[in-house]
Amino acid sequence: MCRNIKTLYNFDPPATHAEIHLAALQYIRKISGFAEPSAANEAAFRRAVAEVEEASSRLLDALVTSAPPKSREEEAAKAHARAVRRFGGAAPIKSAPK
């Protein structure tokens, strides 16, 4: 699960509220062990997600760097290249005959 949490700092455009929320949700899922909490745990689960989301937003707003912002497209291409090296290239999808 943690592999799905991506770096959100120093991108142009900056991380969106939705991206921060998804990272917080993934973190809480990982440490709680629940993909979806039971009704008894739902309030605590949702509160934890909101708190991690708030803390993450404050952190991202407070960080400073002199490095130029990263390109989302370039970072995605690098991640894809790493995946190909790690898992091998996928066979091309063949279209069905007409």
N, C-alpha and C. Protein backbone atom coordinates (compact mmCIF):
# COMPACT_ATOMS: atom_id res chain seq x y z
N MET A 1 0.81 -1.20 0.00
CA MET A 1 0.00 0.00 0.00
C MET A 1 0.85 1.26 0.00
N CYS A 2 1.94 1.29 0.73
CA CYS A 2 2.72 2.52 0.86
C CYS A 2 3.34 2.96 -0.46
N ARG A 3 3.52 2.02 -1.38
CA ARG A 3 4.10 2.43 -2.67
C ARG A 3 3.18 3.40 -3.39
N ASN A 4 1.90 3.42 -3.00
CA ASN A 4 0.94 4.31 -3.66
C ASN A 4 1.02 5.73 -3.15
N ILE A 5 1.72 5.97 -2.06
CA ILE A 5 1.87 7.33 -1.55
C ILE A 5 3.03 7.96 -2.30
N LYS A 6 2.73 9.00 -3.04
CA LYS A 6 3.73 9.66 -3.88
C LYS A 6 4.20 10.96 -3.23
N THR A 7 5.40 11.38 -3.60
CA THR A 7 5.91 12.67 -3.16
C THR A 7 4.99 13.76 -3.69
N LEU A 8 4.61 14.69 -2.84
CA LEU A 8 3.70 15.76 -3.23
C LEU A 8 4.37 17.13 -3.23
N TYR A 9 5.59 17.22 -2.74
CA TYR A 9 6.25 18.51 -2.58
C TYR A 9 7.04 18.92 -3.81
N ASN A 10 7.04 20.20 -4.08
CA ASN A 10 7.84 20.86 -5.11
C ASN A 10 7.48 20.43 -6.52
N PHE A 11 6.19 20.42 -6.81
CA PHE A 11 5.71 20.17 -8.15
C PHE A 11 5.04 21.42 -8.69
N ASP A 12 5.06 21.54 -9.99
CA ASP A 12 4.35 22.63 -10.65
C ASP A 12 3.36 21.99 -11.62
N PRO A 13 2.07 22.09 -11.37
CA PRO A 13 1.41 22.84 -10.31
C PRO A 13 1.50 22.10 -8.98
N PRO A 14 1.30 22.82 -7.87
CA PRO A 14 1.39 22.21 -6.54
C PRO A 14 0.36 21.10 -6.35
N ALA A 15 0.59 20.27 -5.35
CA ALA A 15 -0.34 19.18 -5.03
C ALA A 15 -1.73 19.74 -4.76
N THR A 16 -2.72 19.02 -5.21
CA THR A 16 -4.10 19.44 -5.00
C THR A 16 -4.61 18.91 -3.67
N HIS A 17 -5.72 19.47 -3.24
CA HIS A 17 -6.38 18.99 -2.02
C HIS A 17 -6.70 17.50 -2.15
N ALA A 18 -7.16 17.09 -3.34
CA ALA A 18 -7.51 15.69 -3.57
C ALA A 18 -6.29 14.77 -3.44
N GLU A 19 -5.15 15.20 -3.96
CA GLU A 19 -3.93 14.39 -3.86
C GLU A 19 -3.49 14.24 -2.41
N ILE A 20 -3.58 15.31 -1.65
CA ILE A 20 -3.20 15.27 -0.24
C ILE A 20 -4.17 14.36 0.52
N HIS A 21 -5.46 14.47 0.22
CA HIS A 21 -6.46 13.62 0.86
C HIS A 21 -6.18 12.14 0.57
N LEU A 22 -5.92 11.80 -0.70
CA LEU A 22 -5.66 10.41 -1.07
C LEU A 22 -4.41 9.86 -0.39
N ALA A 23 -3.37 10.68 -0.25
CA ALA A 23 -2.16 10.23 0.44
C ALA A 23 -2.46 9.99 1.92
N ALA A 24 -3.25 10.87 2.54
CA ALA A 24 -3.62 10.69 3.95
C ALA A 24 -4.46 9.43 4.13
N LEU A 25 -5.40 9.22 3.23
CA LEU A 25 -6.25 8.03 3.29
C LEU A 25 -5.41 6.77 3.16
N GLN A 26 -4.47 6.76 2.23
CA GLN A 26 -3.62 5.58 2.03
C GLN A 26 -2.75 5.32 3.26
N TYR A 27 -2.24 6.37 3.87
CA TYR A 27 -1.43 6.22 5.08
C TYR A 27 -2.26 5.61 6.21
N ILE A 28 -3.46 6.13 6.43
CA ILE A 28 -4.31 5.61 7.51
C ILE A 28 -4.73 4.18 7.21
N ARG A 29 -5.01 3.87 5.96
CA ARG A 29 -5.32 2.48 5.60
C ARG A 29 -4.15 1.56 5.95
N LYS A 30 -2.95 2.01 5.66
CA LYS A 30 -1.77 1.18 5.91
C LYS A 30 -1.57 0.94 7.40
N ILE A 31 -1.59 2.00 8.20
CA ILE A 31 -1.27 1.80 9.61
C ILE A 31 -2.42 1.15 10.39
N SER A 32 -3.67 1.31 9.90
CA SER A 32 -4.79 0.68 10.60
C SER A 32 -5.01 -0.76 10.14
N GLY A 33 -4.61 -1.06 8.92
CA GLY A 33 -4.87 -2.38 8.38
C GLY A 33 -6.26 -2.52 7.77
N PHE A 34 -7.02 -1.42 7.71
CA PHE A 34 -8.37 -1.44 7.15
C PHE A 34 -8.40 -0.71 5.82
N ALA A 35 -8.91 -1.35 4.79
CA ALA A 35 -9.18 -0.64 3.55
C ALA A 35 -10.44 0.20 3.74
N GLU A 36 -11.41 -0.39 4.40
CA GLU A 36 -12.64 0.29 4.79
C GLU A 36 -12.92 -0.08 6.24
N PRO A 37 -13.08 0.89 7.12
CA PRO A 37 -13.30 0.57 8.54
C PRO A 37 -14.72 0.05 8.79
N SER A 38 -14.88 -0.67 9.88
CA SER A 38 -16.21 -1.11 10.30
C SER A 38 -16.98 0.12 10.76
N ALA A 39 -18.28 -0.04 10.93
CA ALA A 39 -19.12 1.07 11.40
C ALA A 39 -18.63 1.56 12.76
N ALA A 40 -18.16 0.64 13.61
CA ALA A 40 -17.67 1.02 14.93
C ALA A 40 -16.40 1.87 14.88
N ASN A 41 -15.62 1.69 13.83
CA ASN A 41 -14.34 2.40 13.70
C ASN A 41 -14.36 3.55 12.70
N GLU A 42 -15.48 3.73 12.02
CA GLU A 42 -15.52 4.72 10.93
C GLU A 42 -15.22 6.13 11.39
N ALA A 43 -15.77 6.56 12.50
CA ALA A 43 -15.55 7.94 12.97
C ALA A 43 -14.06 8.17 13.28
N ALA A 44 -13.45 7.22 13.97
CA ALA A 44 -12.02 7.35 14.31
C ALA A 44 -11.17 7.34 13.05
N PHE A 45 -11.52 6.49 12.11
CA PHE A 45 -10.79 6.37 10.85
C PHE A 45 -10.86 7.69 10.08
N ARG A 46 -12.06 8.22 9.91
CA ARG A 46 -12.24 9.47 9.16
C ARG A 46 -11.58 10.65 9.86
N ARG A 47 -11.63 10.68 11.18
CA ARG A 47 -10.96 11.75 11.95
C ARG A 47 -9.45 11.68 11.74
N ALA A 48 -8.90 10.47 11.76
CA ALA A 48 -7.46 10.31 11.55
C ALA A 48 -7.05 10.76 10.15
N VAL A 49 -7.87 10.42 9.15
CA VAL A 49 -7.57 10.85 7.78
C VAL A 49 -7.56 12.38 7.71
N ALA A 50 -8.55 13.01 8.31
CA ALA A 50 -8.64 14.48 8.29
C ALA A 50 -7.44 15.11 9.00
N GLU A 51 -7.02 14.52 10.12
CA GLU A 51 -5.88 15.08 10.87
C GLU A 51 -4.58 14.93 10.09
N VAL A 52 -4.37 13.79 9.46
CA VAL A 52 -3.16 13.58 8.66
C VAL A 52 -3.18 14.50 7.44
N GLU A 53 -4.35 14.65 6.84
CA GLU A 53 -4.49 15.55 5.70
C GLU A 53 -4.14 16.99 6.10
N GLU A 54 -4.65 17.43 7.24
CA GLU A 54 -4.38 18.79 7.71
C GLU A 54 -2.89 18.98 8.01
N ALA A 55 -2.29 18.00 8.69
CA ALA A 55 -0.86 18.09 9.01
C ALA A 55 -0.02 18.08 7.74
N SER A 56 -0.41 17.28 6.76
CA SER A 56 0.32 17.22 5.50
C SER A 56 0.24 18.54 4.75
N SER A 57 -0.94 19.13 4.73
CA SER A 57 -1.11 20.44 4.07
C SER A 57 -0.24 21.50 4.74
N ARG A 58 -0.24 21.52 6.07
CA ARG A 58 0.61 22.49 6.79
C ARG A 58 2.07 22.28 6.47
N LEU A 59 2.49 21.02 6.43
CA LEU A 59 3.88 20.70 6.12
C LEU A 59 4.24 21.18 4.72
N LEU A 60 3.43 20.84 3.73
CA LEU A 60 3.72 21.24 2.36
C LEU A 60 3.76 22.76 2.20
N ASP A 61 2.90 23.45 2.93
CA ASP A 61 2.89 24.92 2.88
C ASP A 61 4.12 25.54 3.55
N ALA A 62 4.69 24.85 4.53
CA ALA A 62 5.80 25.40 5.30
C ALA A 62 7.18 25.09 4.70
N LEU A 63 7.28 24.06 3.89
CA LEU A 63 8.57 23.67 3.33
C LEU A 63 9.08 24.71 2.34
N VAL A 64 10.41 24.88 2.31
CA VAL A 64 11.04 25.79 1.36
C VAL A 64 12.18 25.06 0.66
N THR A 65 12.43 25.45 -0.57
CA THR A 65 13.53 24.87 -1.33
C THR A 65 14.01 25.87 -2.37
N SER A 66 15.26 25.72 -2.76
CA SER A 66 15.77 26.54 -3.85
C SER A 66 15.77 25.74 -5.16
N ALA A 67 15.38 24.47 -5.08
CA ALA A 67 15.34 23.62 -6.28
C ALA A 67 14.16 24.03 -7.16
N PRO A 68 14.33 23.93 -8.46
CA PRO A 68 13.20 24.25 -9.34
C PRO A 68 12.10 23.20 -9.18
N PRO A 69 10.86 23.59 -9.40
CA PRO A 69 9.76 22.62 -9.28
C PRO A 69 9.94 21.47 -10.28
N LYS A 70 9.49 20.30 -9.88
CA LYS A 70 9.56 19.12 -10.74
C LYS A 70 8.35 19.07 -11.66
N SER A 71 8.54 18.44 -12.78
CA SER A 71 7.46 18.24 -13.75
C SER A 71 6.77 16.92 -13.45
N ARG A 72 5.46 16.94 -13.35
CA ARG A 72 4.71 15.71 -13.09
C ARG A 72 4.92 14.69 -14.22
N GLU A 73 4.96 15.18 -15.45
CA GLU A 73 5.13 14.29 -16.60
C GLU A 73 6.50 13.61 -16.58
N GLU A 74 7.55 14.38 -16.27
CA GLU A 74 8.89 13.81 -16.21
C GLU A 74 9.00 12.79 -15.08
N GLU A 75 8.42 13.10 -13.93
CA GLU A 75 8.47 12.17 -12.80
C GLU A 75 7.68 10.90 -13.11
N ALA A 76 6.55 11.02 -13.80
CA ALA A 76 5.76 9.85 -14.19
C ALA A 76 6.54 8.98 -15.17
N ALA A 77 7.26 9.63 -16.10
CA ALA A 77 8.07 8.88 -17.06
C ALA A 77 9.20 8.13 -16.35
N LYS A 78 9.83 8.77 -15.38
CA LYS A 78 10.89 8.10 -14.60
C LYS A 78 10.32 6.91 -13.84
N ALA A 79 9.14 7.07 -13.23
CA ALA A 79 8.51 5.97 -12.48
C ALA A 79 8.17 4.81 -13.42
N HIS A 80 7.69 5.14 -14.61
CA HIS A 80 7.37 4.11 -15.59
C HIS A 80 8.64 3.35 -16.00
N ALA A 81 9.72 4.07 -16.23
CA ALA A 81 10.98 3.44 -16.61
C ALA A 81 11.48 2.52 -15.50
N ARG A 82 11.34 2.96 -14.24
CA ARG A 82 11.72 2.10 -13.11
C ARG A 82 10.88 0.83 -13.07
N ALA A 83 9.58 0.97 -13.32
CA ALA A 83 8.68 -0.19 -13.30
C ALA A 83 9.04 -1.17 -14.42
N VAL A 84 9.37 -0.64 -15.59
CA VAL A 84 9.76 -1.51 -16.70
C VAL A 84 11.04 -2.27 -16.35
N ARG A 85 12.02 -1.57 -15.75
CA ARG A 85 13.26 -2.24 -15.34
C ARG A 85 12.98 -3.29 -14.28
N ARG A 86 12.08 -2.99 -13.37
CA ARG A 86 11.80 -3.90 -12.25
C ARG A 86 10.95 -5.09 -12.68
N PHE A 87 9.92 -4.85 -13.47
CA PHE A 87 8.95 -5.90 -13.79
C PHE A 87 9.00 -6.36 -15.24
N GLY A 88 9.77 -5.67 -16.06
CA GLY A 88 9.83 -6.01 -17.48
C GLY A 88 8.73 -5.31 -18.24
N GLY A 89 8.91 -5.23 -19.51
CA GLY A 89 7.91 -4.56 -20.35
C GLY A 89 6.71 -5.46 -20.57
N ALA A 90 5.56 -4.86 -20.64
CA ALA A 90 4.34 -5.62 -20.92
C ALA A 90 4.24 -5.85 -22.42
N ALA A 91 3.67 -6.97 -22.78
CA ALA A 91 3.45 -7.27 -24.20
C ALA A 91 2.41 -6.29 -24.74
N PRO A 92 2.59 -5.86 -25.95
CA PRO A 92 1.60 -4.93 -26.51
C PRO A 92 0.24 -5.60 -26.60
N ILE A 93 -0.80 -4.84 -26.42
CA ILE A 93 -2.15 -5.36 -26.50
C ILE A 93 -2.53 -5.45 -27.96
N LYS A 94 -2.96 -6.63 -28.36
CA LYS A 94 -3.35 -6.83 -29.75
C LYS A 94 -4.84 -6.58 -29.88
N SER A 95 -5.21 -5.89 -30.93
CA SER A 95 -6.63 -5.64 -31.14
C SER A 95 -7.28 -6.89 -31.70
N ALA A 96 -8.57 -7.04 -31.38
CA ALA A 96 -9.31 -8.19 -31.87
C ALA A 96 -9.50 -8.07 -33.39
N PRO A 97 -9.49 -9.19 -34.09
CA PRO A 97 -9.70 -9.13 -35.54
C PRO A 97 -11.10 -8.64 -35.84
N LYS A 98 -11.22 -7.90 -36.94
CA LYS A 98 -12.53 -7.35 -37.33
C LYS A 98 -13.24 -8.27 -38.27
